[in-house]
């Protein structure tokens, strides 16, 4: 004859887990158009990187060979609009600054 045995199952109580939130920080993002003299984008890129540092993204918007000008779209993270404009004004003497927009983006902490 088969006899059933009942064993007491050991249940582990589930503890309450603390909610995990991704910590993010809001930092400024400045986007502006900069027109510099020249027909090669390499010289303009070097000058913009020297003025604004590593938190910089550059896009070539247009190359005007007739007037010898190149327009870049510049995006700088972690700097305010005033800081970007003063850095460009100090480093580039013949640059034309165009439309500028300052916004906030979230970055992981």
C-alpha atoms as a PDB file:
ATOM      1  CA  UNK A   1       0.000   0.000   0.000  1.00  0.00           C
ATOM      2  CA  UNK A   2       1.219   3.418  -0.869  1.00  0.00           C
ATOM      3  CA  UNK A   3       1.299   5.946   1.814  1.00  0.00           C
ATOM      4  CA  UNK A   4       1.372   9.634   0.983  1.00  0.00           C
ATOM      5  CA  UNK A   5       3.664  11.784   2.921  1.00  0.00           C
ATOM      6  CA  UNK A   6       3.034  15.404   3.262  1.00  0.00           C
ATOM      7  CA  UNK A   7       6.104  17.509   3.642  1.00  0.00           C
ATOM      8  CA  UNK A   8       5.964  21.020   4.658  1.00  0.00           C
ATOM      9  CA  UNK A   9       7.272  23.211   1.886  1.00  0.00           C
ATOM     10  CA  UNK A  10       9.581  25.899   3.034  1.00  0.00           C
ATOM     11  CA  UNK A  11       8.491  29.116   1.556  1.00  0.00           C
ATOM     12  CA  UNK A  12      10.769  32.047   1.604  1.00  0.00           C
ATOM     13  CA  UNK A  13       9.002  35.295   2.176  1.00  0.00           C
ATOM     14  CA  UNK A  14       9.539  37.728  -0.629  1.00  0.00           C
ATOM     15  CA  UNK A  15      10.946  40.942   0.576  1.00  0.00           C
ATOM     16  CA  UNK A  16       9.812  44.222  -0.744  1.00  0.00           C
ATOM     17  CA  UNK A  17      12.147  45.489  -3.369  1.00  0.00           C
ATOM     18  CA  UNK A  18      12.983  49.117  -3.567  1.00  0.00           C
ATOM     19  CA  UNK A  19      11.951  50.579  -6.895  1.00  0.00           C
ATOM     20  CA  UNK A  20      14.912  51.205  -9.123  1.00  0.00           C
ATOM     21  CA  UNK A  21      14.847  54.505 -10.893  1.00  0.00           C
ATOM     22  CA  UNK A  22      17.385  55.411 -13.462  1.00  0.00           C
ATOM     23  CA  UNK A  23      19.082  58.495 -12.206  1.00  0.00           C
ATOM     24  CA  UNK A  24      19.386  61.110 -14.851  1.00  0.00           C
ATOM     25  CA  UNK A  25      20.508  64.671 -14.817  1.00  0.00           C
ATOM     26  CA  UNK A  26      19.166  67.517 -16.909  1.00  0.00           C
ATOM     27  CA  UNK A  27      21.915  69.319 -18.809  1.00  0.00           C
ATOM     28  CA  UNK A  28      21.738  72.180 -21.308  1.00  0.00           C
ATOM     29  CA  UNK A  29      21.957  71.524 -25.042  1.00  0.00           C
ATOM     30  CA  UNK A  30      22.827  74.434 -27.334  1.00  0.00           C
ATOM     31  CA  UNK A  31      22.184  74.197 -31.076  1.00  0.00           C
ATOM     32  CA  UNK A  32      23.363  76.958 -33.373  1.00  0.00           C
ATOM     33  CA  UNK A  33      24.468  77.633 -36.927  1.00  0.00           C
ATOM     34  CA  UNK A  34      27.998  78.929 -37.458  1.00  0.00           C
ATOM     35  CA  UNK A  35      29.290  80.202 -40.796  1.00  0.00           C
ATOM     36  CA  UNK A  36      33.048  80.346 -41.230  1.00  0.00           C
ATOM     37  CA  UNK A  37      35.170  81.455 -44.189  1.00  0.00           C
ATOM     38  CA  UNK A  38      36.775  78.785 -46.367  1.00  0.00           C
ATOM     39  CA  UNK A  39      35.967  75.972 -48.762  1.00  0.00           C
ATOM     40  CA  UNK A  40      37.381  73.039 -46.768  1.00  0.00           C
ATOM     41  CA  UNK A  41      35.436  71.849 -43.753  1.00  0.00           C
ATOM     42  CA  UNK A  42      38.535  70.409 -42.056  1.00  0.00           C
ATOM     43  CA  UNK A  43      39.894  73.801 -40.988  1.00  0.00           C
ATOM     44  CA  UNK A  44      36.504  74.925 -39.661  1.00  0.00           C
ATOM     45  CA  UNK A  45      36.045  71.655 -37.788  1.00  0.00           C
ATOM     46  CA  UNK A  46      39.432  71.982 -36.098  1.00  0.00           C
ATOM     47  CA  UNK A  47      38.722  75.559 -35.060  1.00  0.00           C
ATOM     48  CA  UNK A  48      35.298  74.683 -33.658  1.00  0.00           C
ATOM     49  CA  UNK A  49      36.633  71.665 -31.767  1.00  0.00           C
ATOM     50  CA  UNK A  50      39.451  73.787 -30.322  1.00  0.00           C
ATOM     51  CA  UNK A  51      36.952  76.430 -29.183  1.00  0.00           C
ATOM     52  CA  UNK A  52      34.214  74.188 -27.783  1.00  0.00           C
ATOM     53  CA  UNK A  53      35.909  70.980 -26.670  1.00  0.00           C
ATOM     54  CA  UNK A  54      34.811  67.368 -26.768  1.00  0.00           C
ATOM     55  CA  UNK A  55      31.070  67.777 -26.017  1.00  0.00           C
ATOM     56  CA  UNK A  56      30.554  68.963 -29.567  1.00  0.00           C
ATOM     57  CA  UNK A  57      28.757  67.521 -32.572  1.00  0.00           C
ATOM     58  CA  UNK A  58      29.202  69.130 -35.973  1.00  0.00           C
ATOM     59  CA  UNK A  59      27.181  68.800 -39.133  1.00  0.00           C
ATOM     60  CA  UNK A  60      27.993  70.512 -42.422  1.00  0.00           C
ATOM     61  CA  UNK A  61      24.864  72.323 -43.560  1.00  0.00           C
ATOM     62  CA  UNK A  62      26.156  74.003 -46.712  1.00  0.00           C
ATOM     63  CA  UNK A  63      29.337  74.816 -48.614  1.00  0.00           C
ATOM     64  CA  UNK A  64      29.126  78.045 -50.591  1.00  0.00           C
ATOM     65  CA  UNK A  65      32.065  77.928 -53.005  1.00  0.00           C
ATOM     66  CA  UNK A  66      31.113  81.171 -54.700  1.00  0.00           C
ATOM     67  CA  UNK A  67      31.392  83.213 -51.495  1.00  0.00           C
ATOM     68  CA  UNK A  68      33.887  80.805 -49.868  1.00  0.00           C
ATOM     69  CA  UNK A  69      31.840  80.054 -46.769  1.00  0.00           C
ATOM     70  CA  UNK A  70      30.891  76.909 -44.896  1.00  0.00           C
ATOM     71  CA  UNK A  71      27.908  76.678 -42.565  1.00  0.00           C
ATOM     72  CA  UNK A  72      27.985  74.183 -39.699  1.00  0.00           C
ATOM     73  CA  UNK A  73      25.205  73.082 -37.394  1.00  0.00           C
ATOM     74  CA  UNK A  74      26.822  72.921 -33.958  1.00  0.00           C
ATOM     75  CA  UNK A  75      25.380  71.015 -30.998  1.00  0.00           C
ATOM     76  CA  UNK A  76      27.076  71.437 -27.616  1.00  0.00           C
ATOM     77  CA  UNK A  77      26.075  69.529 -24.477  1.00  0.00           C
ATOM     78  CA  UNK A  78      26.697  70.700 -20.897  1.00  0.00           C
ATOM     79  CA  UNK A  79      27.268  74.351 -21.721  1.00  0.00           C
ATOM     80  CA  UNK A  80      24.897  77.286 -21.629  1.00  0.00           C
ATOM     81  CA  UNK A  81      24.188  79.538 -24.577  1.00  0.00           C
ATOM     82  CA  UNK A  82      26.253  82.351 -23.062  1.00  0.00           C
ATOM     83  CA  UNK A  83      29.259  80.068 -22.611  1.00  0.00           C
ATOM     84  CA  UNK A  84      29.069  78.803 -26.193  1.00  0.00           C
ATOM     85  CA  UNK A  85      28.757  82.263 -27.717  1.00  0.00           C
ATOM     86  CA  UNK A  86      31.607  83.677 -25.644  1.00  0.00           C
ATOM     87  CA  UNK A  87      33.859  80.712 -26.561  1.00  0.00           C
ATOM     88  CA  UNK A  88      33.093  81.159 -30.261  1.00  0.00           C
ATOM     89  CA  UNK A  89      33.539  84.919 -30.158  1.00  0.00           C
ATOM     90  CA  UNK A  90      36.912  84.542 -28.468  1.00  0.00           C
ATOM     91  CA  UNK A  91      38.235  81.838 -30.799  1.00  0.00           C
ATOM     92  CA  UNK A  92      36.754  82.685 -34.212  1.00  0.00           C
ATOM     93  CA  UNK A  93      37.166  86.271 -35.309  1.00  0.00           C
ATOM     94  CA  UNK A  94      35.413  86.028 -38.693  1.00  0.00           C
ATOM     95  CA  UNK A  95      32.570  83.640 -37.858  1.00  0.00           C
ATOM     96  CA  UNK A  96      28.928  84.517 -38.387  1.00  0.00           C
ATOM     97  CA  UNK A  97      26.641  83.141 -35.687  1.00  0.00           C
ATOM     98  CA  UNK A  98      23.166  82.226 -36.828  1.00  0.00           C
ATOM     99  CA  UNK A  99      20.045  80.921 -35.161  1.00  0.00           C
ATOM    100  CA  UNK A 100      20.727  79.623 -31.644  1.00  0.00           C
ATOM    101  CA  UNK A 101      18.452  77.471 -29.471  1.00  0.00           C
ATOM    102  CA  UNK A 102      19.038  76.368 -25.886  1.00  0.00           C
ATOM    103  CA  UNK A 103      17.116  73.393 -24.501  1.00  0.00           C
ATOM    104  CA  UNK A 104      17.510  70.781 -21.771  1.00  0.00           C
ATOM    105  CA  UNK A 105      18.207  67.071 -22.267  1.00  0.00           C
ATOM    106  CA  UNK A 106      18.439  64.176 -19.844  1.00  0.00           C
ATOM    107  CA  UNK A 107      21.724  62.358 -19.402  1.00  0.00           C
ATOM    108  CA  UNK A 108      22.490  59.372 -17.194  1.00  0.00           C
ATOM    109  CA  UNK A 109      24.230  60.389 -13.998  1.00  0.00           C
END
